[in-house]
Amino acid sequence: MDPVTVVGHRGDPYRVRENTVPSIVSAFDRGADAVEVDVRLTEDGVPVLLHDDTLKRLWGFDRPLASMTLEELREVTYDGVPTLREALIAAGAHPVMLDLPGGDERSVRTIVGTVRECGAGERVYYCAGAVAMLQVRAADPAAEIALTWNTLAPPRRTLLDAVRPKWLNYRFGLASRELVERVHRDGLLVSAWTADTTWSMRKLIRNGVDSITTNRVDALAAVLRKGRE
């Protein structure tokens, strides 16, 4: 059994445009165990995959996603931005981590409801900061949560009791051996993002993390293969 889960960051973005169906498929083809994708709502309340709040960086269209209907989005991106439902279908039986940038009560409830309607609750888990994850826990008492945490100081016990995460999700530079051991003693798993050099991948593996999110799925898969030889 591999020491870590390989998570494709927004799919396989160094080869295929991030947060798209082809990027998701490419990540799994290259050895990902799971993918992480970002989910936001269109103006008419449809969950779609997009990290930024506008289309400018990826699609060259400087307009907020929240001001566009799904029909308008499909038109300007030539169907390039998938709905959450389409992404879950593309992932097949594989796990999918949903990052919820700017998640509020309305968007979280809509996203969690879509996951439920797709029958994907057993293979979906959620990551973001405390505010969004508290909303997820309220919407789904059984949801698997990776609480994103950006400091070496541990989360307060009251927050952990409210969110009930399975994972703490750290920027890769924070995931020292000492931190990983402390989190494990508390009964939680450690995921780290976003490690793209083989040096950082090997260090995280030595430190005992349980999951690594990367833009270079093939490189991480190769590091793990070499470790098994």
Foldseek 3Di string as FASTA:
>chain_A
DFLAAEEEEQAQCVVDPGQFLVSNLVLVVLPHQEYEFEWDAALVGFIWTDDDQACCPPQNGGDGRNDHDPVRVCVSRVPGIGTPLVNVVSNPLGAYEYEYVPDDLSNLLSVVVSCVVSVNQVRYAYEDALRSLLSNCVNPVPHAYAHEDEDLDDDDPVSCVSNVHQEHEYALVNLALVSQVVVVVVVHAYEYDEDEDLVSLVRNVVSRHHYYYYSCSNSSVVSRVVVVD
